[in-house]
Amino acid sequence: APIAAMSSSFLSLDELRDLPLRARVFAPIFEQRIAQDRDRAFLHADGHTYTYGEFGERTLGIARGMAALGLRAGSLVPILLPNSAEYVMAWFALHLRGATMALLNPALRGRMLAQALLDCSAQTLIASPEAIAAIAELEAPSLASLRVIIQVGQSDASPSLPGHIRVLRFDDLSQGGSASPIEPSHFTQVQSVFFTSGSTGPAKGVLMPNGHFFANPCSDRKST
């Protein structure tokens, strides 16, 4: 996989468990870690090592670009990407905006992909060139709500998409400046939508709030 390793957690397990429920949101911990551990290695991906500081600045720049696109709380953004540094940056940037990520299998094609996109009714999505090519093959009703596709990675081909959809490059999304793109979020706010495997029918989206993401790693596995 392109991602070789990632720092196991922004906080230790004991620190996570001690967090009050109202503090179990992503952005404050993100800000704390990129300030305190700027020179510490965070992510190894595609032959490059990102420190907390470097990764944090890149992610904040992407979050500013997302703010310019109008992504905020209430925005549901599907991601169709293989493992990559850009995947993690997009994921984190959406959380900083208070938006919700819909995690889709990038290998989805045809009816299964169309159903997932219809369920999301998203105006913006983030995808690889291969996923965009699959999207271009779908019938128009599946893409009626879509307005912007953010493309991660280069492609020689230009899939034929409906005229109301524009394609932006992920590398062009980042914006500089000192303005914070972070929007406050609540532990009950839906952070992500995970789609089931679809083994007995079309995949179904499962709503995962911020509090759940903190509860999951904090569960005691010693007794299992």
Protein backbone atom coordinates (compact mmCIF):
# COMPACT_ATOMS: atom_id res chain seq x y z
CA ALA A 1 0.00 0.00 0.00
CA PRO A 2 1.25 3.56 -0.68
CA ILE A 3 0.83 4.40 3.01
CA ALA A 4 3.63 2.58 4.79
CA ALA A 5 2.96 3.81 8.32
CA MET A 6 1.11 6.43 10.28
CA SER A 7 1.58 7.57 13.85
CA SER A 8 -0.83 5.41 15.84
CA SER A 9 -2.74 8.23 17.50
CA PHE A 10 -2.79 11.93 18.16
CA LEU A 11 -3.34 10.99 21.82
CA SER A 12 -2.47 7.96 23.93
CA LEU A 13 -5.24 5.54 24.82
CA ASP A 14 -5.29 6.77 28.42
CA GLU A 15 -5.53 10.40 27.24
CA LEU A 16 -8.42 9.53 24.94
CA ARG A 17 -10.27 7.75 27.73
CA ASP A 18 -9.86 10.75 30.04
CA LEU A 19 -11.36 13.22 27.55
CA PRO A 20 -14.79 14.49 28.62
CA LEU A 21 -17.53 13.68 26.13
CA ARG A 22 -17.88 17.29 24.93
CA ALA A 23 -14.14 17.34 24.03
CA ARG A 24 -14.31 14.24 21.83
CA VAL A 25 -14.03 16.09 18.54
CA PHE A 26 -11.17 16.15 16.07
CA ALA A 27 -10.11 19.76 15.49
CA PRO A 28 -8.78 20.75 18.96
CA ILE A 29 -6.61 17.64 19.12
CA PHE A 30 -5.37 18.25 15.58
CA GLU A 31 -4.34 21.83 16.45
CA GLN A 32 -2.64 20.72 19.65
CA ARG A 33 -0.56 18.05 17.98
CA ILE A 34 0.64 20.04 14.99
CA ALA A 35 1.75 22.76 17.43
CA GLN A 36 3.47 20.47 19.95
CA ASP A 37 4.97 17.87 17.62
CA ARG A 38 5.79 19.88 14.52
CA ASP A 39 9.04 18.04 13.80
CA ARG A 40 7.88 14.56 14.73
CA ALA A 41 7.19 12.10 11.89
CA PHE A 42 3.48 11.49 11.35
CA LEU A 43 2.91 9.82 7.99
CA HIS A 44 5.07 7.80 5.59
CA ALA A 45 3.45 7.67 2.15
CA ASP A 46 4.62 7.37 -1.46
CA GLY A 47 8.26 7.53 -0.43
CA HIS A 48 7.83 10.73 1.59
CA THR A 49 7.73 11.31 5.34
CA TYR A 50 5.38 14.04 6.54
CA THR A 51 5.97 15.61 9.93
CA TYR A 52 3.03 16.71 12.04
CA GLY A 53 3.83 20.31 11.11
CA GLU A 54 4.11 19.72 7.36
CA PHE A 55 1.05 17.52 7.22
CA GLY A 56 -0.90 19.97 9.35
CA GLU A 57 -0.09 22.95 7.13
CA ARG A 58 -1.01 21.02 3.97
CA THR A 59 -4.29 19.91 5.52
CA LEU A 60 -5.19 23.40 6.71
CA GLY A 61 -4.54 24.74 3.20
CA ILE A 62 -6.90 22.13 1.75
CA ALA A 63 -9.49 22.97 4.39
CA ARG A 64 -9.31 26.64 3.31
CA GLY A 65 -9.94 25.56 -0.27
CA MET A 66 -12.90 23.50 0.92
CA ALA A 67 -14.24 26.54 2.75
CA ALA A 68 -14.04 28.52 -0.50
CA LEU A 69 -16.14 25.79 -2.14
CA GLY A 70 -18.75 26.19 0.58
CA LEU A 71 -18.08 22.88 2.34
CA ARG A 72 -19.19 23.05 5.96
CA ALA A 73 -21.39 21.30 8.51
CA GLY A 74 -24.18 19.60 6.61
CA SER A 75 -22.00 18.93 3.54
CA LEU A 76 -21.69 15.22 2.72
CA VAL A 77 -18.63 14.52 0.57
CA PRO A 78 -17.97 11.03 -0.83
CA ILE A 79 -14.33 9.97 -1.18
CA LEU A 80 -13.35 7.37 -3.79
CA LEU A 81 -9.59 7.02 -3.42
CA PRO A 82 -6.99 4.33 -2.83
CA ASN A 83 -4.64 4.68 0.14
CA SER A 84 -2.54 7.83 -0.21
CA ALA A 85 -1.39 10.89 1.69
CA GLU A 86 -4.03 12.91 -0.18
CA TYR A 87 -6.72 10.56 1.15
CA VAL A 88 -5.76 11.31 4.75
CA MET A 89 -5.46 15.06 4.04
CA ALA A 90 -8.91 15.16 2.46
CA TRP A 91 -10.39 13.13 5.31
CA PHE A 92 -8.89 15.38 7.98
CA ALA A 93 -9.69 18.62 6.11
CA LEU A 94 -13.36 17.65 5.87
CA HIS A 95 -13.44 17.03 9.62
CA LEU A 96 -11.85 20.44 10.25
CA ARG A 97 -14.67 22.01 8.22
CA GLY A 98 -17.29 20.10 10.20
CA ALA A 99 -18.33 18.37 6.97
CA THR A 100 -19.13 14.67 6.71
CA MET A 101 -17.05 12.18 4.73
CA ALA A 102 -18.80 9.33 2.93
CA LEU A 103 -16.31 6.48 2.64
CA LEU A 104 -16.89 4.63 -0.65
CA ASN A 105 -14.99 1.70 -2.10
CA PRO A 106 -12.99 3.18 -5.04
CA ALA A 107 -13.56 -0.07 -6.95
CA LEU A 108 -17.35 0.45 -7.09
CA ARG A 109 -18.76 0.40 -10.59
CA GLY A 110 -22.12 0.50 -12.33
CA ARG A 111 -25.31 0.00 -10.31
CA MET A 112 -23.55 -0.21 -6.94
CA LEU A 113 -21.71 3.07 -7.52
CA ALA A 114 -24.86 4.76 -8.82
CA GLN A 115 -26.85 3.68 -5.76
CA ALA A 116 -24.19 4.97 -3.35
CA LEU A 117 -24.06 8.35 -5.11
CA LEU A 118 -27.85 8.61 -5.10
CA ASP A 119 -27.92 7.85 -1.38
CA CYS A 120 -25.37 10.60 -0.71
CA SER A 121 -27.02 13.21 -2.98
CA ALA A 122 -23.66 14.99 -2.77
CA GLN A 123 -22.79 18.18 -4.61
CA THR A 124 -19.03 17.60 -4.21
CA LEU A 125 -16.93 14.44 -4.22
CA ILE A 126 -13.24 13.56 -4.18
CA ALA A 127 -12.04 10.82 -6.51
CA SER A 128 -9.17 9.23 -8.39
CA PRO A 129 -9.03 9.39 -12.22
CA GLU A 130 -10.14 5.74 -12.34
CA ALA A 131 -13.18 6.45 -10.19
CA ILE A 132 -14.03 9.51 -12.27
CA ALA A 133 -13.98 7.36 -15.40
CA ALA A 134 -16.44 5.00 -13.71
CA ILE A 135 -18.65 7.94 -12.70
CA ALA A 136 -18.69 9.19 -16.30
CA GLU A 137 -20.24 5.89 -17.38
CA LEU A 138 -23.27 6.30 -15.09
CA GLU A 139 -26.66 7.47 -16.30
CA ALA A 140 -27.52 11.15 -15.78
CA PRO A 141 -30.05 10.71 -12.89
CA SER A 142 -27.27 9.32 -10.67
CA LEU A 143 -25.30 12.55 -11.13
CA ALA A 144 -28.11 15.09 -10.94
CA SER A 145 -26.99 16.62 -7.63
CA LEU A 146 -23.26 16.57 -8.37
CA ARG A 147 -21.59 19.90 -9.13
CA VAL A 148 -17.87 19.52 -8.36
CA ILE A 149 -15.42 16.61 -8.58
CA ILE A 150 -12.03 17.08 -6.93
CA GLN A 151 -9.54 14.88 -8.79
CA VAL A 152 -6.58 13.37 -6.96
CA GLY A 153 -3.83 12.27 -9.33
CA GLN A 154 -2.99 12.81 -12.97
CA SER A 155 -4.77 11.33 -15.97
CA ASP A 156 -4.20 11.56 -19.71
CA ALA A 157 -7.88 10.89 -20.39
CA SER A 158 -10.72 13.38 -20.00
CA PRO A 159 -13.93 11.46 -19.27
CA SER A 160 -17.10 12.95 -20.71
CA LEU A 161 -19.12 14.27 -17.78
CA PRO A 162 -22.43 16.18 -17.83
CA GLY A 163 -21.93 19.90 -18.46
CA HIS A 164 -23.08 20.92 -14.98
CA ILE A 165 -20.11 19.13 -13.35
CA ARG A 166 -16.72 20.81 -13.14
CA VAL A 167 -13.49 19.01 -12.25
CA LEU A 168 -10.91 20.62 -9.97
CA ARG A 169 -7.42 19.35 -9.26
CA PHE A 170 -6.71 18.45 -5.64
CA ASP A 171 -3.29 20.09 -5.88
CA ASP A 172 -4.96 23.38 -6.86
CA LEU A 173 -7.41 23.27 -3.94
CA SER A 174 -4.97 24.39 -1.26
CA GLN A 175 -5.05 28.03 -0.18
CA GLY A 176 -2.53 29.93 1.90
CA GLY A 177 -3.14 32.61 4.50
CA SER A 178 -3.49 32.85 8.24
CA ALA A 179 -7.28 32.60 8.45
CA SER A 180 -8.39 29.48 10.28
CA PRO A 181 -10.69 27.23 8.22
CA ILE A 182 -11.75 25.27 11.30
CA GLU A 183 -15.43 25.16 12.20
CA PRO A 184 -16.56 24.04 15.67
CA SER A 185 -18.15 20.61 15.85
CA HIS A 186 -20.02 18.59 18.47
CA PHE A 187 -19.55 15.03 19.67
CA THR A 188 -23.02 14.14 18.39
CA GLN A 189 -22.31 15.50 14.90
CA VAL A 190 -21.97 12.89 12.15
CA GLN A 191 -18.31 12.67 11.21
CA SER A 192 -18.45 9.96 8.54
CA VAL A 193 -20.78 7.67 6.65
CA PHE A 194 -19.42 4.16 6.17
CA PHE A 195 -21.10 2.02 3.54
CA THR A 196 -21.72 -1.65 4.26
CA SER A 197 -20.31 -4.34 1.99
CA GLY A 198 -23.61 -4.75 0.16
CA SER A 199 -23.44 -8.56 0.31
CA THR A 200 -27.25 -8.91 0.48
CA GLY A 201 -28.15 -5.93 -1.70
CA PRO A 202 -27.01 -2.38 -2.40
CA ALA A 203 -24.58 -1.01 0.19
CA LYS A 204 -26.22 1.02 2.95
CA GLY A 205 -24.69 4.07 4.65
CA VAL A 206 -24.07 3.86 8.40
CA LEU A 207 -23.90 7.20 10.27
CA MET A 208 -20.86 7.49 12.54
CA PRO A 209 -20.80 10.50 14.94
CA ASN A 210 -17.67 12.06 16.41
CA GLY A 211 -18.29 10.41 19.79
CA HIS A 212 -18.30 6.96 18.20
CA PHE A 213 -14.87 7.44 16.66
CA PHE A 214 -13.45 8.20 20.08
CA ALA A 215 -15.35 5.40 21.82
CA ASN A 216 -14.11 2.75 19.39
CA PRO A 217 -10.35 2.98 20.15
CA CYS A 218 -11.12 3.50 23.85
CA SER A 219 -12.94 0.17 24.21
CA ASP A 220 -11.21 -2.27 26.53
CA ARG A 221 -9.99 -5.22 24.45
CA LYS A 222 -8.09 -6.95 27.28
CA SER A 223 -11.14 -8.95 28.23
CA THR A 224 -11.75 -10.26 24.69
